[in-house]
N, C-alpha and C. Protein backbone atom coordinates (compact mmCIF):
# COMPACT_ATOMS: atom_id res chain seq x y z
N UNK A 1 5.28 -19.18 21.35
CA UNK A 1 5.33 -19.29 19.91
C UNK A 1 4.97 -20.70 19.45
N UNK A 2 5.16 -21.67 20.33
CA UNK A 2 4.79 -23.03 19.96
C UNK A 2 3.32 -23.14 19.61
N UNK A 3 2.49 -22.39 20.34
CA UNK A 3 1.05 -22.39 20.06
C UNK A 3 0.79 -21.83 18.67
N UNK A 4 1.47 -20.74 18.33
CA UNK A 4 1.28 -20.12 17.02
C UNK A 4 1.70 -21.09 15.91
N UNK A 5 2.85 -21.73 16.06
CA UNK A 5 3.34 -22.64 15.03
C UNK A 5 2.44 -23.87 14.92
N UNK A 6 1.96 -24.38 16.04
CA UNK A 6 1.14 -25.59 16.00
C UNK A 6 -0.18 -25.36 15.26
N UNK A 7 -0.66 -24.12 15.22
CA UNK A 7 -1.91 -23.80 14.53
C UNK A 7 -1.69 -23.29 13.10
N UNK A 8 -0.44 -23.15 12.70
CA UNK A 8 -0.09 -22.59 11.39
C UNK A 8 0.08 -23.73 10.37
N UNK A 9 -1.02 -24.14 9.76
CA UNK A 9 -0.99 -25.27 8.82
C UNK A 9 -0.05 -25.03 7.65
N UNK A 10 0.00 -23.79 7.14
CA UNK A 10 0.83 -23.53 5.97
C UNK A 10 2.32 -23.61 6.30
N UNK A 11 2.73 -23.00 7.42
CA UNK A 11 4.14 -23.10 7.83
C UNK A 11 4.52 -24.54 8.10
N UNK A 12 3.59 -25.30 8.63
CA UNK A 12 3.86 -26.73 8.85
C UNK A 12 3.97 -27.46 7.52
N UNK A 13 3.13 -27.11 6.53
CA UNK A 13 3.23 -27.72 5.22
C UNK A 13 4.58 -27.41 4.57
N UNK A 14 5.06 -26.17 4.79
CA UNK A 14 6.38 -25.80 4.28
C UNK A 14 7.51 -26.54 4.99
N UNK A 15 7.17 -27.17 6.11
CA UNK A 15 8.13 -27.88 6.98
C UNK A 15 9.17 -26.94 7.54
N UNK A 16 8.68 -25.79 7.97
CA UNK A 16 9.55 -24.79 8.58
C UNK A 16 10.00 -25.27 9.95
N UNK A 17 11.27 -25.07 10.21
CA UNK A 17 11.85 -25.34 11.52
C UNK A 17 12.17 -24.00 12.16
N UNK A 18 11.63 -23.75 13.33
CA UNK A 18 11.92 -22.51 14.05
C UNK A 18 13.25 -22.70 14.78
N UNK A 19 14.22 -21.86 14.45
CA UNK A 19 15.55 -21.95 15.05
C UNK A 19 15.68 -21.05 16.27
N UNK A 20 15.07 -19.86 16.20
CA UNK A 20 15.22 -18.89 17.29
C UNK A 20 14.11 -17.85 17.20
N UNK A 21 13.57 -17.51 18.36
CA UNK A 21 12.61 -16.42 18.46
C UNK A 21 12.95 -15.61 19.70
N UNK A 22 12.95 -14.29 19.52
CA UNK A 22 13.17 -13.34 20.61
C UNK A 22 12.27 -12.15 20.31
N UNK A 23 12.09 -11.24 21.25
CA UNK A 23 11.25 -10.07 20.97
C UNK A 23 11.71 -9.33 19.70
N UNK A 24 10.81 -9.27 18.70
CA UNK A 24 11.10 -8.57 17.46
C UNK A 24 12.06 -9.29 16.53
N UNK A 25 12.25 -10.58 16.73
CA UNK A 25 13.26 -11.32 15.97
C UNK A 25 12.82 -12.76 15.78
N UNK A 26 13.15 -13.33 14.62
CA UNK A 26 13.02 -14.77 14.43
C UNK A 26 14.01 -15.25 13.39
N UNK A 27 14.38 -16.51 13.51
CA UNK A 27 15.22 -17.18 12.51
C UNK A 27 14.59 -18.54 12.28
N UNK A 28 14.31 -18.85 11.00
CA UNK A 28 13.67 -20.12 10.65
C UNK A 28 14.44 -20.78 9.51
N UNK A 29 14.16 -22.06 9.31
CA UNK A 29 14.86 -22.85 8.30
C UNK A 29 13.85 -23.66 7.50
N UNK A 30 14.17 -23.87 6.21
CA UNK A 30 13.33 -24.67 5.33
C UNK A 30 14.20 -25.26 4.22
N UNK A 31 13.84 -26.46 3.78
CA UNK A 31 14.51 -27.09 2.64
C UNK A 31 13.54 -27.02 1.46
N UNK A 32 14.03 -26.58 0.31
CA UNK A 32 13.21 -26.49 -0.90
C UNK A 32 12.95 -27.91 -1.42
N UNK A 33 11.66 -28.25 -1.56
CA UNK A 33 11.24 -29.58 -2.00
C UNK A 33 10.79 -29.53 -3.47
N UNK A 34 10.71 -30.69 -4.14
CA UNK A 34 10.33 -30.73 -5.56
C UNK A 34 8.99 -30.06 -5.87
N UNK A 35 8.02 -30.17 -4.98
CA UNK A 35 6.71 -29.56 -5.24
C UNK A 35 6.71 -28.04 -5.04
N UNK A 36 7.85 -27.45 -4.72
CA UNK A 36 7.96 -26.01 -4.49
C UNK A 36 8.54 -25.25 -5.68
N UNK A 37 8.85 -25.96 -6.76
CA UNK A 37 9.46 -25.29 -7.91
C UNK A 37 8.43 -25.04 -9.00
N UNK A 38 8.74 -24.07 -9.85
CA UNK A 38 7.85 -23.71 -10.96
C UNK A 38 8.23 -24.50 -12.22
N UNK A 39 7.65 -24.15 -13.34
CA UNK A 39 7.90 -24.84 -14.60
C UNK A 39 9.32 -24.71 -15.12
N UNK A 40 10.09 -23.77 -14.58
CA UNK A 40 11.49 -23.60 -14.98
C UNK A 40 12.44 -24.37 -14.07
N UNK A 41 11.87 -25.06 -13.07
CA UNK A 41 12.70 -25.84 -12.15
C UNK A 41 13.35 -25.03 -11.06
N UNK A 42 12.91 -23.78 -10.87
CA UNK A 42 13.44 -22.96 -9.78
C UNK A 42 12.32 -22.70 -8.77
N UNK A 43 12.71 -22.37 -7.56
CA UNK A 43 11.75 -22.13 -6.50
C UNK A 43 10.69 -21.12 -6.92
N UNK A 44 9.43 -21.47 -6.71
CA UNK A 44 8.31 -20.59 -7.02
C UNK A 44 8.38 -19.35 -6.13
N UNK A 45 8.13 -18.19 -6.72
CA UNK A 45 8.17 -16.94 -5.95
C UNK A 45 7.22 -16.94 -4.77
N UNK A 46 6.10 -17.63 -4.91
CA UNK A 46 5.13 -17.70 -3.82
C UNK A 46 5.68 -18.46 -2.62
N UNK A 47 6.55 -19.42 -2.87
CA UNK A 47 7.18 -20.17 -1.77
C UNK A 47 8.15 -19.25 -1.04
N UNK A 48 8.97 -18.51 -1.79
CA UNK A 48 9.91 -17.57 -1.16
C UNK A 48 9.16 -16.53 -0.33
N UNK A 49 8.08 -16.01 -0.90
CA UNK A 49 7.26 -15.03 -0.21
C UNK A 49 6.69 -15.63 1.07
N UNK A 50 6.13 -16.83 0.97
CA UNK A 50 5.50 -17.47 2.12
C UNK A 50 6.50 -17.79 3.22
N UNK A 51 7.69 -18.21 2.83
CA UNK A 51 8.74 -18.50 3.81
C UNK A 51 9.09 -17.23 4.59
N UNK A 52 9.32 -16.13 3.86
CA UNK A 52 9.63 -14.86 4.52
C UNK A 52 8.45 -14.37 5.35
N UNK A 53 7.24 -14.59 4.85
CA UNK A 53 6.03 -14.18 5.56
C UNK A 53 5.94 -14.88 6.91
N UNK A 54 6.29 -16.15 6.96
CA UNK A 54 6.27 -16.87 8.23
C UNK A 54 7.32 -16.31 9.18
N UNK A 55 8.50 -15.98 8.67
CA UNK A 55 9.55 -15.43 9.54
C UNK A 55 9.11 -14.12 10.18
N UNK A 56 8.55 -13.20 9.38
CA UNK A 56 8.12 -11.93 9.96
C UNK A 56 6.96 -12.15 10.93
N UNK A 57 6.07 -13.10 10.63
CA UNK A 57 4.92 -13.35 11.51
C UNK A 57 5.40 -13.77 12.90
N UNK A 58 6.40 -14.65 12.96
CA UNK A 58 6.92 -15.06 14.26
C UNK A 58 7.58 -13.90 14.98
N UNK A 59 8.32 -13.07 14.25
CA UNK A 59 8.99 -11.92 14.87
C UNK A 59 7.99 -10.87 15.35
N UNK A 60 7.01 -10.55 14.51
CA UNK A 60 6.09 -9.46 14.84
C UNK A 60 5.07 -9.85 15.91
N UNK A 61 4.86 -11.13 16.10
CA UNK A 61 3.94 -11.61 17.14
C UNK A 61 4.69 -12.12 18.38
N UNK A 62 5.98 -11.91 18.43
CA UNK A 62 6.82 -12.49 19.49
C UNK A 62 6.55 -11.92 20.88
N UNK A 63 5.90 -10.79 20.95
CA UNK A 63 5.57 -10.20 22.25
C UNK A 63 4.15 -10.56 22.71
N UNK A 64 3.45 -11.34 21.90
CA UNK A 64 2.11 -11.77 22.27
C UNK A 64 0.99 -10.87 21.79
N UNK A 65 1.34 -9.70 21.24
CA UNK A 65 0.31 -8.80 20.70
C UNK A 65 0.06 -9.19 19.25
N UNK A 66 -1.21 -9.34 18.90
CA UNK A 66 -1.59 -9.79 17.57
C UNK A 66 -1.18 -8.74 16.52
N UNK A 67 -0.37 -9.16 15.54
CA UNK A 67 0.09 -8.27 14.47
C UNK A 67 -0.22 -8.92 13.13
N UNK A 68 -0.71 -8.12 12.17
CA UNK A 68 -1.02 -8.61 10.83
C UNK A 68 -0.38 -7.68 9.80
N UNK A 69 0.01 -8.24 8.66
CA UNK A 69 0.65 -7.42 7.63
C UNK A 69 -0.37 -6.51 6.95
N UNK A 70 0.09 -5.30 6.62
CA UNK A 70 -0.73 -4.38 5.84
C UNK A 70 -0.02 -3.93 4.57
N UNK A 71 1.29 -4.16 4.49
CA UNK A 71 2.03 -3.82 3.27
C UNK A 71 3.27 -4.70 3.22
N UNK A 72 3.50 -5.34 2.09
CA UNK A 72 4.66 -6.22 1.93
C UNK A 72 5.31 -6.00 0.57
N UNK A 73 6.61 -6.28 0.52
CA UNK A 73 7.35 -6.23 -0.74
C UNK A 73 8.50 -7.22 -0.66
N UNK A 74 8.75 -7.90 -1.77
CA UNK A 74 9.87 -8.84 -1.80
C UNK A 74 10.72 -8.58 -3.04
N UNK A 75 12.02 -8.72 -2.87
CA UNK A 75 12.98 -8.67 -3.96
C UNK A 75 13.61 -10.05 -4.06
N UNK A 76 13.46 -10.69 -5.23
CA UNK A 76 14.08 -11.99 -5.48
C UNK A 76 15.45 -11.71 -6.09
N UNK A 77 16.50 -12.09 -5.38
CA UNK A 77 17.86 -11.75 -5.79
C UNK A 77 18.61 -12.89 -6.46
N UNK A 78 18.22 -14.13 -6.14
CA UNK A 78 18.87 -15.30 -6.75
C UNK A 78 17.88 -16.45 -6.73
N UNK A 79 17.91 -17.30 -7.77
CA UNK A 79 16.99 -18.44 -7.79
C UNK A 79 17.38 -19.48 -6.76
N UNK A 80 16.38 -20.23 -6.29
CA UNK A 80 16.65 -21.34 -5.38
C UNK A 80 16.27 -22.64 -6.08
N UNK A 81 16.90 -23.72 -5.68
CA UNK A 81 16.76 -25.02 -6.32
C UNK A 81 16.28 -26.06 -5.30
N UNK A 82 15.76 -27.16 -5.81
CA UNK A 82 15.38 -28.28 -4.96
C UNK A 82 16.61 -28.70 -4.15
N UNK A 83 16.41 -28.88 -2.86
CA UNK A 83 17.49 -29.29 -1.96
C UNK A 83 18.18 -28.15 -1.26
N UNK A 84 17.98 -26.90 -1.74
CA UNK A 84 18.60 -25.76 -1.06
C UNK A 84 18.05 -25.63 0.36
N UNK A 85 18.94 -25.35 1.29
CA UNK A 85 18.55 -25.08 2.67
C UNK A 85 18.49 -23.56 2.82
N UNK A 86 17.30 -23.06 3.15
CA UNK A 86 17.10 -21.62 3.30
C UNK A 86 16.98 -21.25 4.77
N UNK A 87 17.58 -20.13 5.11
CA UNK A 87 17.49 -19.58 6.47
C UNK A 87 16.95 -18.16 6.33
N UNK A 88 15.81 -17.91 6.98
CA UNK A 88 15.23 -16.56 6.97
C UNK A 88 15.40 -15.95 8.35
N UNK A 89 15.91 -14.72 8.36
CA UNK A 89 16.09 -13.98 9.60
C UNK A 89 15.26 -12.71 9.54
N UNK A 90 14.29 -12.60 10.45
CA UNK A 90 13.42 -11.42 10.51
C UNK A 90 13.85 -10.55 11.67
N UNK A 91 14.02 -9.25 11.37
CA UNK A 91 14.44 -8.29 12.40
C UNK A 91 13.50 -7.10 12.40
N UNK A 92 13.11 -6.71 13.57
CA UNK A 92 12.27 -5.53 13.76
C UNK A 92 13.10 -4.29 13.48
N UNK A 93 12.59 -3.43 12.61
CA UNK A 93 13.27 -2.18 12.28
C UNK A 93 12.68 -1.01 13.07
N UNK A 94 11.38 -1.10 13.35
CA UNK A 94 10.66 -0.05 14.09
C UNK A 94 9.46 -0.69 14.77
N UNK A 95 9.20 -0.28 16.00
CA UNK A 95 8.02 -0.76 16.71
C UNK A 95 7.30 0.43 17.31
N UNK A 96 6.10 0.69 16.81
CA UNK A 96 5.26 1.75 17.35
C UNK A 96 4.06 1.17 18.06
N UNK A 97 3.20 2.02 18.55
CA UNK A 97 2.02 1.56 19.26
C UNK A 97 1.10 0.75 18.34
N UNK A 98 0.93 1.20 17.10
CA UNK A 98 0.04 0.53 16.14
C UNK A 98 0.76 -0.11 14.96
N UNK A 99 1.88 0.45 14.55
CA UNK A 99 2.58 -0.05 13.37
C UNK A 99 3.98 -0.55 13.72
N UNK A 100 4.40 -1.56 12.99
CA UNK A 100 5.76 -2.06 13.11
C UNK A 100 6.32 -2.29 11.72
N UNK A 101 7.64 -2.21 11.60
CA UNK A 101 8.31 -2.44 10.32
C UNK A 101 9.36 -3.53 10.53
N UNK A 102 9.36 -4.52 9.64
CA UNK A 102 10.26 -5.66 9.74
C UNK A 102 10.95 -5.90 8.41
N UNK A 103 12.16 -6.44 8.51
CA UNK A 103 12.89 -6.84 7.31
C UNK A 103 13.32 -8.29 7.49
N UNK A 104 13.17 -9.07 6.41
CA UNK A 104 13.56 -10.48 6.43
C UNK A 104 14.63 -10.69 5.37
N UNK A 105 15.78 -11.20 5.79
CA UNK A 105 16.83 -11.64 4.87
C UNK A 105 16.71 -13.14 4.73
N UNK A 106 16.58 -13.61 3.50
CA UNK A 106 16.46 -15.04 3.21
C UNK A 106 17.75 -15.46 2.52
N UNK A 107 18.46 -16.39 3.14
CA UNK A 107 19.76 -16.81 2.60
C UNK A 107 19.79 -18.30 2.29
N UNK A 108 20.57 -18.62 1.28
CA UNK A 108 20.87 -20.03 0.99
C UNK A 108 22.02 -20.38 1.92
N UNK A 109 21.78 -21.33 2.81
CA UNK A 109 22.79 -21.64 3.84
C UNK A 109 22.97 -20.42 4.71
N UNK A 110 24.19 -20.11 5.05
CA UNK A 110 24.45 -18.95 5.90
C UNK A 110 24.98 -17.76 5.10
N UNK A 111 25.20 -17.94 3.83
CA UNK A 111 25.91 -16.95 3.05
C UNK A 111 25.07 -16.15 2.06
N UNK A 112 24.66 -16.78 0.97
CA UNK A 112 24.11 -16.06 -0.19
C UNK A 112 22.69 -15.54 0.06
N UNK A 113 22.54 -14.24 -0.07
CA UNK A 113 21.22 -13.61 0.06
C UNK A 113 20.41 -13.93 -1.20
N UNK A 114 19.25 -14.57 -1.02
CA UNK A 114 18.43 -14.94 -2.17
C UNK A 114 17.16 -14.09 -2.28
N UNK A 115 16.70 -13.52 -1.17
CA UNK A 115 15.57 -12.58 -1.24
C UNK A 115 15.59 -11.64 -0.04
N UNK A 116 14.95 -10.51 -0.24
CA UNK A 116 14.83 -9.48 0.79
C UNK A 116 13.36 -9.11 0.86
N UNK A 117 12.78 -9.21 2.04
CA UNK A 117 11.35 -9.02 2.25
C UNK A 117 11.16 -7.91 3.27
N UNK A 118 10.31 -6.95 2.94
CA UNK A 118 10.01 -5.84 3.86
C UNK A 118 8.52 -5.83 4.13
N UNK A 119 8.15 -5.57 5.37
CA UNK A 119 6.73 -5.63 5.74
C UNK A 119 6.40 -4.59 6.81
N UNK A 120 5.21 -4.03 6.69
CA UNK A 120 4.65 -3.16 7.72
C UNK A 120 3.47 -3.92 8.32
N UNK A 121 3.43 -3.95 9.64
CA UNK A 121 2.34 -4.65 10.32
C UNK A 121 1.49 -3.65 11.10
N UNK A 122 0.23 -4.05 11.26
CA UNK A 122 -0.70 -3.34 12.14
C UNK A 122 -0.82 -4.17 13.41
N UNK A 123 -0.63 -3.53 14.55
CA UNK A 123 -0.68 -4.20 15.84
C UNK A 123 -2.06 -3.99 16.46
N UNK A 124 -2.78 -5.07 16.63
CA UNK A 124 -4.13 -5.02 17.18
C UNK A 124 -4.09 -4.77 18.69
N UNK A 125 -5.25 -4.46 19.26
CA UNK A 125 -5.35 -4.17 20.69
C UNK A 125 -5.19 -5.40 21.57
N UNK A 126 -5.52 -6.56 21.07
CA UNK A 126 -5.53 -7.73 21.94
C UNK A 126 -4.30 -8.61 21.76
N UNK A 127 -4.02 -9.36 22.81
CA UNK A 127 -2.93 -10.34 22.78
C UNK A 127 -3.48 -11.67 22.34
N UNK A 128 -2.69 -12.44 21.66
CA UNK A 128 -3.10 -13.78 21.24
C UNK A 128 -2.53 -14.83 22.18
N UNK A 129 -1.59 -14.45 23.02
CA UNK A 129 -0.96 -15.38 23.96
C UNK A 129 0.49 -15.58 23.59
N UNK A 130 1.28 -15.97 24.53
CA UNK A 130 2.72 -16.10 24.31
C UNK A 130 3.18 -17.54 24.33
N UNK A 131 2.28 -18.50 24.37
CA UNK A 131 2.70 -19.92 24.38
C UNK A 131 2.99 -20.40 22.99
């Protein structure tokens, strides 16, 4: 996964810290920065989406088989503020030969659920590598 993260310019720009990766699972961390908020002073929805997107990407590619999203949905449950520490946990709900389903819980700290992200991935024939 280090190879995947090292080539992921956007996740690096978000300053995502990978806390844990296992087959079909990931947990990542990010701090909301001033340039991540919208005109109302709350976290931009695109940042929340991108953070969850990175979590599912690490989980769905954790076995080395290339997986890409084909359907995504996010529910924003609570606003986030500059300085909030977010933890996203992605868990595999279903793994088939071609399709996988993942859910990402994004929490402020360890407690408050701030968004829920659901994604279906298409699993390609080739491996991208496990480094």
